[in-house]
Amino acid sequence: MSSLKVNTISAVLKFRKGTIQVNEEYMRTLEILSKKLMFVQVDQMVKAAKALKDVQLELEKLRQKAVSKVFDFIVQKLYALRKPKTNIQILQQSVLLKYKRVFLFGF
């Protein structure tokens, strides 16, 4: 398993609830994290490795933290749909489609 870079971990962790700013960098970070998690789940040799047992708990905590933050971001964007006189089509095209990779990470 390739190493999980410190900047990937810090990017996920520094994402604060009050200052939700998802940008291209954060989406790339989620993509990297997603690939690492899939690699750990799929590869049988990695599953059997003793080194995985050392980091598996930390990877799971990092995944849970990222999912929590993605959920907060999604709720914030969906809440904008409830505002009166909101042009839903523009919101879908300009915001929701732009962040589709973030939405996919939650699943």
PDB file of N, CA and C in Angstrom:
ATOM      1  N   MET A   1       0.851  -1.177   0.000  1.00  0.00           N
ATOM      2  CA  MET A   1       0.000   0.000   0.000  1.00  0.00           C
ATOM      3  C   MET A   1       0.889   1.230   0.000  1.00  0.00           C
ATOM      4  N   SER A   2       0.622   2.130  -0.914  1.00  0.00           N
ATOM      5  CA  SER A   2       1.400   3.354  -0.930  1.00  0.00           C
ATOM      6  C   SER A   2       1.019   4.190   0.280  1.00  0.00           C
ATOM      7  N   SER A   3       1.941   4.998   0.718  1.00  0.00           N
ATOM      8  CA  SER A   3       1.720   5.740   1.960  1.00  0.00           C
ATOM      9  C   SER A   3       0.636   6.797   1.794  1.00  0.00           C
ATOM     10  N   LEU A   4      -0.074   7.002   2.846  1.00  0.00           N
ATOM     11  CA  LEU A   4      -1.086   8.054   2.887  1.00  0.00           C
ATOM     12  C   LEU A   4      -0.380   9.320   3.321  1.00  0.00           C
ATOM     13  N   LYS A   5      -0.260  10.260   2.433  1.00  0.00           N
ATOM     14  CA  LYS A   5       0.537  11.450   2.692  1.00  0.00           C
ATOM     15  C   LYS A   5      -0.044  12.283   3.818  1.00  0.00           C
ATOM     16  N   VAL A   6       0.837  12.945   4.521  1.00  0.00           N
ATOM     17  CA  VAL A   6       0.439  13.784   5.647  1.00  0.00           C
ATOM     18  C   VAL A   6      -0.473  14.910   5.185  1.00  0.00           C
ATOM     19  N   ASN A   7      -0.207  15.480   4.007  1.00  0.00           N
ATOM     20  CA  ASN A   7      -1.049  16.579   3.534  1.00  0.00           C
ATOM     21  C   ASN A   7      -2.465  16.098   3.201  1.00  0.00           C
ATOM     22  N   THR A   8      -2.626  14.832   2.806  1.00  0.00           N
ATOM     23  CA  THR A   8      -3.955  14.280   2.571  1.00  0.00           C
ATOM     24  C   THR A   8      -4.716  14.187   3.886  1.00  0.00           C
ATOM     25  N   ILE A   9      -4.043  13.692   4.899  1.00  0.00           N
ATOM     26  CA  ILE A   9      -4.667  13.561   6.218  1.00  0.00           C
ATOM     27  C   ILE A   9      -5.017  14.930   6.778  1.00  0.00           C
ATOM     28  N   SER A  10      -4.083  15.850   6.708  1.00  0.00           N
ATOM     29  CA  SER A  10      -4.342  17.172   7.277  1.00  0.00           C
ATOM     30  C   SER A  10      -5.428  17.912   6.501  1.00  0.00           C
ATOM     31  N   ALA A  11      -5.513  17.692   5.186  1.00  0.00           N
ATOM     32  CA  ALA A  11      -6.554  18.349   4.395  1.00  0.00           C
ATOM     33  C   ALA A  11      -7.936  17.865   4.812  1.00  0.00           C
ATOM     34  N   VAL A  12      -8.062  16.581   5.107  1.00  0.00           N
ATOM     35  CA  VAL A  12      -9.347  16.053   5.554  1.00  0.00           C
ATOM     36  C   VAL A  12      -9.678  16.577   6.942  1.00  0.00           C
ATOM     37  N   LEU A  13      -8.688  16.609   7.822  1.00  0.00           N
ATOM     38  CA  LEU A  13      -8.935  16.986   9.208  1.00  0.00           C
ATOM     39  C   LEU A  13      -9.135  18.478   9.409  1.00  0.00           C
ATOM     40  N   LYS A  14      -8.500  19.324   8.596  1.00  0.00           N
ATOM     41  CA  LYS A  14      -8.608  20.766   8.829  1.00  0.00           C
ATOM     42  C   LYS A  14      -9.895  21.367   8.269  1.00  0.00           C
ATOM     43  N   PHE A  15     -10.663  20.580   7.577  1.00  0.00           N
ATOM     44  CA  PHE A  15     -11.945  21.001   7.023  1.00  0.00           C
ATOM     45  C   PHE A  15     -12.902  21.216   8.179  1.00  0.00           C
ATOM     46  N   ARG A  16     -13.165  22.437   8.542  1.00  0.00           N
ATOM     47  CA  ARG A  16     -13.966  22.764   9.728  1.00  0.00           C
ATOM     48  C   ARG A  16     -15.448  22.869   9.387  1.00  0.00           C
ATOM     49  N   LYS A  17     -16.270  22.506  10.344  1.00  0.00           N
ATOM     50  CA  LYS A  17     -17.718  22.513  10.139  1.00  0.00           C
ATOM     51  C   LYS A  17     -18.243  23.918   9.868  1.00  0.00           C
ATOM     52  N   GLY A  18     -17.773  24.904  10.575  1.00  0.00           N
ATOM     53  CA  GLY A  18     -18.251  26.265  10.406  1.00  0.00           C
ATOM     54  C   GLY A  18     -17.779  26.927   9.128  1.00  0.00           C
ATOM     55  N   THR A  19     -16.645  26.511   8.626  1.00  0.00           N
ATOM     56  CA  THR A  19     -16.076  27.123   7.424  1.00  0.00           C
ATOM     57  C   THR A  19     -15.999  26.084   6.314  1.00  0.00           C
ATOM     58  N   ILE A  20     -17.147  25.636   5.881  1.00  0.00           N
ATOM     59  CA  ILE A  20     -17.193  24.586   4.868  1.00  0.00           C
ATOM     60  C   ILE A  20     -16.772  25.172   3.529  1.00  0.00           C
ATOM     61  N   GLN A  21     -15.596  24.803   3.100  1.00  0.00           N
ATOM     62  CA  GLN A  21     -15.075  25.247   1.808  1.00  0.00           C
ATOM     63  C   GLN A  21     -14.568  24.026   1.059  1.00  0.00           C
ATOM     64  N   VAL A  22     -15.388  23.527   0.180  1.00  0.00           N
ATOM     65  CA  VAL A  22     -14.992  22.409  -0.654  1.00  0.00           C
ATOM     66  C   VAL A  22     -14.532  22.997  -1.975  1.00  0.00           C
ATOM     67  N   ASN A  23     -13.323  22.667  -2.344  1.00  0.00           N
ATOM     68  CA  ASN A  23     -12.779  23.150  -3.604  1.00  0.00           C
ATOM     69  C   ASN A  23     -12.140  21.974  -4.339  1.00  0.00           C
ATOM     70  N   GLU A  24     -11.489  22.265  -5.450  1.00  0.00           N
ATOM     71  CA  GLU A  24     -10.867  21.208  -6.255  1.00  0.00           C
ATOM     72  C   GLU A  24      -9.837  20.425  -5.449  1.00  0.00           C
ATOM     73  N   GLU A  25      -9.076  21.116  -4.629  1.00  0.00           N
ATOM     74  CA  GLU A  25      -8.054  20.446  -3.823  1.00  0.00           C
ATOM     75  C   GLU A  25      -8.685  19.458  -2.849  1.00  0.00           C
ATOM     76  N   TYR A  26      -9.746  19.868  -2.192  1.00  0.00           N
ATOM     77  CA  TYR A  26     -10.404  18.973  -1.244  1.00  0.00           C
ATOM     78  C   TYR A  26     -11.042  17.783  -1.962  1.00  0.00           C
ATOM     79  N   MET A  27     -11.598  18.022  -3.151  1.00  0.00           N
ATOM     80  CA  MET A  27     -12.184  16.919  -3.913  1.00  0.00           C
ATOM     81  C   MET A  27     -11.105  15.929  -4.345  1.00  0.00           C
ATOM     82  N   ARG A  28      -9.934  16.421  -4.731  1.00  0.00           N
ATOM     83  CA  ARG A  28      -8.819  15.522  -5.074  1.00  0.00           C
ATOM     84  C   ARG A  28      -8.383  14.727  -3.851  1.00  0.00           C
ATOM     85  N   THR A  29      -8.370  15.385  -2.703  1.00  0.00           N
ATOM     86  CA  THR A  29      -8.003  14.706  -1.466  1.00  0.00           C
ATOM     87  C   THR A  29      -8.982  13.577  -1.162  1.00  0.00           C
ATOM     88  N   LEU A  30     -10.267  13.825  -1.340  1.00  0.00           N
ATOM     89  CA  LEU A  30     -11.261  12.780  -1.123  1.00  0.00           C
ATOM     90  C   LEU A  30     -11.105  11.635  -2.114  1.00  0.00           C
ATOM     91  N   GLU A  31     -10.754  11.969  -3.344  1.00  0.00           N
ATOM     92  CA  GLU A  31     -10.521  10.943  -4.356  1.00  0.00           C
ATOM     93  C   GLU A  31      -9.345  10.048  -3.967  1.00  0.00           C
ATOM     94  N   ILE A  32      -8.265  10.666  -3.511  1.00  0.00           N
ATOM     95  CA  ILE A  32      -7.088   9.912  -3.076  1.00  0.00           C
ATOM     96  C   ILE A  32      -7.450   9.009  -1.909  1.00  0.00           C
ATOM     97  N   LEU A  33      -8.140   9.554  -0.940  1.00  0.00           N
ATOM     98  CA  LEU A  33      -8.546   8.773   0.221  1.00  0.00           C
ATOM     99  C   LEU A  33      -9.445   7.616  -0.196  1.00  0.00           C
ATOM    100  N   SER A  34     -10.358   7.867  -1.104  1.00  0.00           N
ATOM    101  CA  SER A  34     -11.255   6.828  -1.582  1.00  0.00           C
ATOM    102  C   SER A  34     -10.485   5.696  -2.258  1.00  0.00           C
ATOM    103  N   LYS A  35      -9.502   6.051  -3.084  1.00  0.00           N
ATOM    104  CA  LYS A  35      -8.686   5.034  -3.762  1.00  0.00           C
ATOM    105  C   LYS A  35      -7.900   4.207  -2.756  1.00  0.00           C
ATOM    106  N   LYS A  36      -7.361   4.856  -1.739  1.00  0.00           N
ATOM    107  CA  LYS A  36      -6.599   4.136  -0.709  1.00  0.00           C
ATOM    108  C   LYS A  36      -7.505   3.164   0.046  1.00  0.00           C
ATOM    109  N   LEU A  37      -8.690   3.618   0.383  1.00  0.00           N
ATOM    110  CA  LEU A  37      -9.628   2.761   1.108  1.00  0.00           C
ATOM    111  C   LEU A  37     -10.068   1.575   0.258  1.00  0.00           C
ATOM    112  N   MET A  38     -10.325   1.809  -1.025  1.00  0.00           N
ATOM    113  CA  MET A  38     -10.708   0.717  -1.922  1.00  0.00           C
ATOM    114  C   MET A  38      -9.572  -0.287  -2.074  1.00  0.00           C
ATOM    115  N   PHE A  39      -8.348   0.198  -2.181  1.00  0.00           N
ATOM    116  CA  PHE A  39      -7.181  -0.674  -2.323  1.00  0.00           C
ATOM    117  C   PHE A  39      -7.067  -1.591  -1.115  1.00  0.00           C
ATOM    118  N   VAL A  40      -7.266  -1.043   0.058  1.00  0.00           N
ATOM    119  CA  VAL A  40      -7.166  -1.829   1.291  1.00  0.00           C
ATOM    120  C   VAL A  40      -8.274  -2.884   1.342  1.00  0.00           C
ATOM    121  N   GLN A  41      -9.455  -2.554   0.858  1.00  0.00           N
ATOM    122  CA  GLN A  41     -10.582  -3.484   0.919  1.00  0.00           C
ATOM    123  C   GLN A  41     -10.499  -4.582  -0.133  1.00  0.00           C
ATOM    124  N   VAL A  42      -9.942  -4.285  -1.299  1.00  0.00           N
ATOM    125  CA  VAL A  42      -9.986  -5.216  -2.427  1.00  0.00           C
ATOM    126  C   VAL A  42      -8.795  -6.175  -2.444  1.00  0.00           C
ATOM    127  N   ASP A  43      -7.612  -5.682  -2.213  1.00  0.00           N
ATOM    128  CA  ASP A  43      -6.397  -6.486  -2.364  1.00  0.00           C
ATOM    129  C   ASP A  43      -6.258  -7.476  -1.201  1.00  0.00           C
ATOM    130  N   GLN A  44      -6.259  -8.774  -1.518  1.00  0.00           N
ATOM    131  CA  GLN A  44      -6.181  -9.817  -0.497  1.00  0.00           C
ATOM    132  C   GLN A  44      -4.828  -9.833   0.215  1.00  0.00           C
ATOM    133  N   MET A  45      -3.767  -9.528  -0.506  1.00  0.00           N
ATOM    134  CA  MET A  45      -2.442  -9.509   0.127  1.00  0.00           C
ATOM    135  C   MET A  45      -2.344  -8.389   1.152  1.00  0.00           C
ATOM    136  N   VAL A  46      -2.962  -7.282   0.848  1.00  0.00           N
ATOM    137  CA  VAL A  46      -2.943  -6.154   1.783  1.00  0.00           C
ATOM    138  C   VAL A  46      -3.769  -6.495   3.017  1.00  0.00           C
ATOM    139  N   LYS A  47      -4.900  -7.161   2.811  1.00  0.00           N
ATOM    140  CA  LYS A  47      -5.741  -7.550   3.945  1.00  0.00           C
ATOM    141  C   LYS A  47      -4.992  -8.447   4.926  1.00  0.00           C
ATOM    142  N   ALA A  48      -4.091  -9.265   4.398  1.00  0.00           N
ATOM    143  CA  ALA A  48      -3.353 -10.202   5.240  1.00  0.00           C
ATOM    144  C   ALA A  48      -2.113  -9.570   5.876  1.00  0.00           C
ATOM    145  N   ALA A  49      -1.736  -8.397   5.434  1.00  0.00           N
ATOM    146  CA  ALA A  49      -0.509  -7.768   5.923  1.00  0.00           C
ATOM    147  C   ALA A  49      -0.653  -7.318   7.371  1.00  0.00           C
ATOM    148  N   LYS A  50       0.404  -7.530   8.135  1.00  0.00           N
ATOM    149  CA  LYS A  50       0.410  -7.106   9.532  1.00  0.00           C
ATOM    150  C   LYS A  50       0.441  -5.580   9.641  1.00  0.00           C
ATOM    151  N   ALA A  51       1.062  -4.940   8.677  1.00  0.00           N
ATOM    152  CA  ALA A  51       1.146  -3.475   8.702  1.00  0.00           C
ATOM    153  C   ALA A  51      -0.237  -2.837   8.606  1.00  0.00           C
ATOM    154  N   LEU A  52      -1.148  -3.490   7.908  1.00  0.00           N
ATOM    155  CA  LEU A  52      -2.498  -2.951   7.776  1.00  0.00           C
ATOM    156  C   LEU A  52      -3.188  -2.895   9.126  1.00  0.00           C
ATOM    157  N   LYS A  53      -2.939  -3.875   9.937  1.00  0.00           N
ATOM    158  CA  LYS A  53      -3.567  -3.892  11.261  1.00  0.00           C
ATOM    159  C   LYS A  53      -3.161  -2.676  12.092  1.00  0.00           C
ATOM    160  N   ASP A  54      -1.965  -2.151  11.848  1.00  0.00           N
ATOM    161  CA  ASP A  54      -1.504  -0.955  12.554  1.00  0.00           C
ATOM    162  C   ASP A  54      -2.251   0.300  12.116  1.00  0.00           C
ATOM    163  N   VAL A  55      -2.580   0.385  10.845  1.00  0.00           N
ATOM    164  CA  VAL A  55      -3.169   1.622  10.315  1.00  0.00           C
ATOM    165  C   VAL A  55      -4.649   1.520   9.999  1.00  0.00           C
ATOM    166  N   GLN A  56      -5.213   0.323  10.068  1.00  0.00           N
ATOM    167  CA  GLN A  56      -6.603   0.145   9.673  1.00  0.00           C
ATOM    168  C   GLN A  56      -7.560   0.977  10.531  1.00  0.00           C
ATOM    169  N   LEU A  57      -7.332   1.020  11.814  1.00  0.00           N
ATOM    170  CA  LEU A  57      -8.190   1.811  12.694  1.00  0.00           C
ATOM    171  C   LEU A  57      -8.100   3.300  12.353  1.00  0.00           C
ATOM    172  N   GLU A  58      -6.892   3.774  12.075  1.00  0.00           N
ATOM    173  CA  GLU A  58      -6.711   5.189  11.716  1.00  0.00           C
ATOM    174  C   GLU A  58      -7.351   5.509  10.373  1.00  0.00           C
ATOM    175  N   LEU A  59      -7.252   4.593   9.415  1.00  0.00           N
ATOM    176  CA  LEU A  59      -7.903   4.799   8.121  1.00  0.00           C
ATOM    177  C   LEU A  59      -9.416   4.879   8.289  1.00  0.00           C
ATOM    178  N   GLU A  60      -9.960   4.039   9.127  1.00  0.00           N
ATOM    179  CA  GLU A  60     -11.402   4.054   9.364  1.00  0.00           C
ATOM    180  C   GLU A  60     -11.830   5.357  10.041  1.00  0.00           C
ATOM    181  N   LYS A  61     -11.041   5.838  10.992  1.00  0.00           N
ATOM    182  CA  LYS A  61     -11.352   7.113  11.641  1.00  0.00           C
ATOM    183  C   LYS A  61     -11.306   8.254  10.629  1.00  0.00           C
ATOM    184  N   LEU A  62     -10.318   8.217   9.755  1.00  0.00           N
ATOM    185  CA  LEU A  62     -10.188   9.251   8.728  1.00  0.00           C
ATOM    186  C   LEU A  62     -11.372   9.200   7.762  1.00  0.00           C
ATOM    187  N   ARG A  63     -11.797   7.989   7.383  1.00  0.00           N
ATOM    188  CA  ARG A  63     -12.953   7.839   6.504  1.00  0.00           C
ATOM    189  C   ARG A  63     -14.213   8.386   7.179  1.00  0.00           C
ATOM    190  N   GLN A  64     -14.394   8.065   8.449  1.00  0.00           N
ATOM    191  CA  GLN A  64     -15.567   8.552   9.176  1.00  0.00           C
ATOM    192  C   GLN A  64     -15.566  10.072   9.283  1.00  0.00           C
ATOM    193  N   LYS A  65     -14.411  10.654   9.521  1.00  0.00           N
ATOM    194  CA  LYS A  65     -14.296  12.109   9.616  1.00  0.00           C
ATOM    195  C   LYS A  65     -14.645  12.755   8.269  1.00  0.00           C
ATOM    196  N   ALA A  66     -14.123  12.175   7.183  1.00  0.00           N
ATOM    197  CA  ALA A  66     -14.392  12.719   5.851  1.00  0.00           C
ATOM    198  C   ALA A  66     -15.873  12.585   5.501  1.00  0.00           C
ATOM    199  N   VAL A  67     -16.482  11.446   5.818  1.00  0.00           N
ATOM    200  CA  VAL A  67     -17.908  11.251   5.530  1.00  0.00           C
ATOM    201  C   VAL A  67     -18.746  12.241   6.326  1.00  0.00           C
ATOM    202  N   SER A  68     -18.376  12.476   7.566  1.00  0.00           N
ATOM    203  CA  SER A  68     -19.092  13.438   8.393  1.00  0.00           C
ATOM    204  C   SER A  68     -19.027  14.839   7.787  1.00  0.00           C
ATOM    205  N   LYS A  69     -17.876  15.214   7.321  1.00  0.00           N
ATOM    206  CA  LYS A  69     -17.712  16.547   6.739  1.00  0.00           C
ATOM    207  C   LYS A  69     -18.414  16.667   5.392  1.00  0.00           C
ATOM    208  N   VAL A  70     -18.379  15.609   4.615  1.00  0.00           N
ATOM    209  CA  VAL A  70     -19.093  15.602   3.336  1.00  0.00           C
ATOM    210  C   VAL A  70     -20.596  15.701   3.590  1.00  0.00           C
ATOM    211  N   PHE A  71     -21.078  14.994   4.594  1.00  0.00           N
ATOM    212  CA  PHE A  71     -22.499  15.053   4.936  1.00  0.00           C
ATOM    213  C   PHE A  71     -22.907  16.479   5.304  1.00  0.00           C
ATOM    214  N   ASP A  72     -22.096  17.141   6.128  1.00  0.00           N
ATOM    215  CA  ASP A  72     -22.388  18.528   6.512  1.00  0.00           C
ATOM    216  C   ASP A  72     -22.434  19.438   5.286  1.00  0.00           C
ATOM    217  N   PHE A  73     -21.501  19.232   4.373  1.00  0.00           N
ATOM    218  CA  PHE A  73     -21.453  20.038   3.155  1.00  0.00           C
ATOM    219  C   PHE A  73     -22.695  19.806   2.296  1.00  0.00           C
ATOM    220  N   ILE A  74     -23.088  18.538   2.139  1.00  0.00           N
ATOM    221  CA  ILE A  74     -24.257  18.199   1.322  1.00  0.00           C
ATOM    222  C   ILE A  74     -25.523  18.791   1.928  1.00  0.00           C
ATOM    223  N   VAL A  75     -25.656  18.685   3.228  1.00  0.00           N
ATOM    224  CA  VAL A  75     -26.834  19.248   3.905  1.00  0.00           C
ATOM    225  C   VAL A  75     -26.893  20.753   3.685  1.00  0.00           C
ATOM    226  N   GLN A  76     -25.753  21.410   3.768  1.00  0.00           N
ATOM    227  CA  GLN A  76     -25.710  22.858   3.551  1.00  0.00           C
ATOM    228  C   GLN A  76     -26.168  23.205   2.135  1.00  0.00           C
ATOM    229  N   LYS A  77     -25.715  22.451   1.141  1.00  0.00           N
ATOM    230  CA  LYS A  77     -26.094  22.737  -0.246  1.00  0.00           C
ATOM    231  C   LYS A  77     -27.563  22.413  -0.497  1.00  0.00           C
ATOM    232  N   LEU A  78     -28.055  21.348   0.096  1.00  0.00           N
ATOM    233  CA  LEU A  78     -29.460  21.002  -0.093  1.00  0.00           C
ATOM    234  C   LEU A  78     -30.379  21.967   0.641  1.00  0.00           C
ATOM    235  N   TYR A  79     -29.905  22.528   1.722  1.00  0.00           N
ATOM    236  CA  TYR A  79     -30.698  23.512   2.449  1.00  0.00           C
ATOM    237  C   TYR A  79     -30.950  24.739   1.570  1.00  0.00           C
ATOM    238  N   ALA A  80     -30.013  25.047   0.694  1.00  0.00           N
ATOM    239  CA  ALA A  80     -30.185  26.187  -0.213  1.00  0.00           C
ATOM    240  C   ALA A  80     -31.369  25.973  -1.147  1.00  0.00           C
ATOM    241  N   LEU A  81     -31.740  24.724  -1.398  1.00  0.00           N
ATOM    242  CA  LEU A  81     -32.889  24.438  -2.255  1.00  0.00           C
ATOM    243  C   LEU A  81     -34.207  24.841  -1.593  1.00  0.00           C
ATOM    244  N   ARG A  82     -34.219  24.924  -0.285  1.00  0.00           N
ATOM    245  CA  ARG A  82     -35.444  25.234   0.452  1.00  0.00           C
ATOM    246  C   ARG A  82     -35.754  26.722   0.503  1.00  0.00           C
ATOM    247  N   LYS A  83     -34.789  27.543   0.166  1.00  0.00           N
ATOM    248  CA  LYS A  83     -35.006  28.984   0.225  1.00  0.00           C
ATOM    249  C   LYS A  83     -36.015  29.404  -0.844  1.00  0.00           C
ATOM    250  N   PRO A  84     -36.881  30.355  -0.503  1.00  0.00           N
ATOM    251  CA  PRO A  84     -37.862  30.807  -1.491  1.00  0.00           C
ATOM    252  C   PRO A  84     -37.193  31.499  -2.682  1.00  0.00           C
ATOM    253  N   LYS A  85     -37.823  31.345  -3.806  1.00  0.00           N
ATOM    254  CA  LYS A  85     -37.377  31.959  -5.058  1.00  0.00           C
ATOM    255  C   LYS A  85     -35.975  31.516  -5.478  1.00  0.00           C
ATOM    256  N   THR A  86     -35.620  30.300  -5.146  1.00  0.00           N
ATOM    257  CA  THR A  86     -34.332  29.744  -5.559  1.00  0.00           C
ATOM    258  C   THR A  86     -34.499  29.132  -6.935  1.00  0.00           C
ATOM    259  N   ASN A  87     -33.597  29.459  -7.828  1.00  0.00           N
ATOM    260  CA  ASN A  87     -33.602  28.849  -9.143  1.00  0.00           C
ATOM    261  C   ASN A  87     -32.900  27.495  -9.026  1.00  0.00           C
ATOM    262  N   ILE A  88     -33.694  26.453  -8.917  1.00  0.00           N
ATOM    263  CA  ILE A  88     -33.162  25.119  -8.648  1.00  0.00           C
ATOM    264  C   ILE A  88     -32.294  24.627  -9.791  1.00  0.00           C
ATOM    265  N   GLN A  89     -32.673  24.920 -11.017  1.00  0.00           N
ATOM    266  CA  GLN A  89     -31.896  24.448 -12.158  1.00  0.00           C
ATOM    267  C   GLN A  89     -30.481  25.035 -12.155  1.00  0.00           C
ATOM    268  N   ILE A  90     -30.358  26.301 -11.867  1.00  0.00           N
ATOM    269  CA  ILE A  90     -29.036  26.926 -11.810  1.00  0.00           C
ATOM    270  C   ILE A  90     -28.230  26.344 -10.656  1.00  0.00           C
ATOM    271  N   LEU A  91     -28.860  26.137  -9.529  1.00  0.00           N
ATOM    272  CA  LEU A  91     -28.182  25.538  -8.384  1.00  0.00           C
ATOM    273  C   LEU A  91     -27.700  24.126  -8.721  1.00  0.00           C
ATOM    274  N   GLN A  92     -28.518  23.367  -9.418  1.00  0.00           N
ATOM    275  CA  GLN A  92     -28.111  22.023  -9.815  1.00  0.00           C
ATOM    276  C   GLN A  92     -26.901  22.060 -10.735  1.00  0.00           C
ATOM    277  N   GLN A  93     -26.940  22.934 -11.717  1.00  0.00           N
ATOM    278  CA  GLN A  93     -25.872  22.977 -12.714  1.00  0.00           C
ATOM    279  C   GLN A  93     -24.596  23.606 -12.183  1.00  0.00           C
ATOM    280  N   SER A  94     -24.724  24.648 -11.386  1.00  0.00           N
ATOM    281  CA  SER A  94     -23.528  25.370 -10.966  1.00  0.00           C
ATOM    282  C   SER A  94     -22.901  24.808  -9.699  1.00  0.00           C
ATOM    283  N   VAL A  95     -23.689  24.206  -8.829  1.00  0.00           N
ATOM    284  CA  VAL A  95     -23.155  23.750  -7.552  1.00  0.00           C
ATOM    285  C   VAL A  95     -23.174  22.232  -7.439  1.00  0.00           C
ATOM    286  N   LEU A  96     -24.345  21.654  -7.578  1.00  0.00           N
ATOM    287  CA  LEU A  96     -24.477  20.226  -7.318  1.00  0.00           C
ATOM    288  C   LEU A  96     -23.686  19.380  -8.322  1.00  0.00           C
ATOM    289  N   LEU A  97     -23.721  19.726  -9.590  1.00  0.00           N
ATOM    290  CA  LEU A  97     -22.937  18.967 -10.570  1.00  0.00           C
ATOM    291  C   LEU A  97     -21.439  19.196 -10.394  1.00  0.00           C
ATOM    292  N   LYS A  98     -21.088  20.396 -10.010  1.00  0.00           N
ATOM    293  CA  LYS A  98     -19.671  20.711  -9.796  1.00  0.00           C
ATOM    294  C   LYS A  98     -19.068  19.839  -8.698  1.00  0.00           C
ATOM    295  N   TYR A  99     -19.863  19.543  -7.691  1.00  0.00           N
ATOM    296  CA  TYR A  99     -19.372  18.785  -6.548  1.00  0.00           C
ATOM    297  C   TYR A  99     -19.862  17.339  -6.541  1.00  0.00           C
ATOM    298  N   LYS A 100     -20.125  16.771  -7.707  1.00  0.00           N
ATOM    299  CA  LYS A 100     -20.650  15.408  -7.753  1.00  0.00           C
ATOM    300  C   LYS A 100     -19.668  14.395  -7.171  1.00  0.00           C
ATOM    301  N   ARG A 101     -18.372  14.646  -7.288  1.00  0.00           N
ATOM    302  CA  ARG A 101     -17.392  13.721  -6.697  1.00  0.00           C
ATOM    303  C   ARG A 101     -17.486  13.710  -5.174  1.00  0.00           C
ATOM    304  N   VAL A 102     -17.833  14.842  -4.594  1.00  0.00           N
ATOM    305  CA  VAL A 102     -18.014  14.917  -3.137  1.00  0.00           C
ATOM    306  C   VAL A 102     -19.248  14.099  -2.739  1.00  0.00           C
ATOM    307  N   PHE A 103     -20.319  14.229  -3.526  1.00  0.00           N
ATOM    308  CA  PHE A 103     -21.534  13.467  -3.234  1.00  0.00           C
ATOM    309  C   PHE A 103     -21.265  11.971  -3.339  1.00  0.00           C
ATOM    310  N   LEU A 104     -20.479  11.565  -4.322  1.00  0.00           N
ATOM    311  CA  LEU A 104     -20.178  10.149  -4.511  1.00  0.00           C
ATOM    312  C   LEU A 104     -19.316   9.579  -3.402  1.00  0.00           C
ATOM    313  N   PHE A 105     -18.483  10.406  -2.789  1.00  0.00           N
ATOM    314  CA  PHE A 105     -17.636   9.910  -1.711  1.00  0.00           C
ATOM    315  C   PHE A 105     -18.458   9.431  -0.524  1.00  0.00           C
ATOM    316  N   GLY A 106     -19.570  10.071  -0.282  1.00  0.00           N
ATOM    317  CA  GLY A 106     -20.412   9.691   0.841  1.00  0.00           C
ATOM    318  C   GLY A 106     -21.033   8.312   0.705  1.00  0.00           C
ATOM    319  N   PHE A 107     -21.001   7.746  -0.494  1.00  0.00           N
ATOM    320  CA  PHE A 107     -21.613   6.443  -0.702  1.00  0.00           C
ATOM    321  C   PHE A 107     -20.585   5.424  -0.860  1.00  0.00           C
TER     322      PHE A 107
END
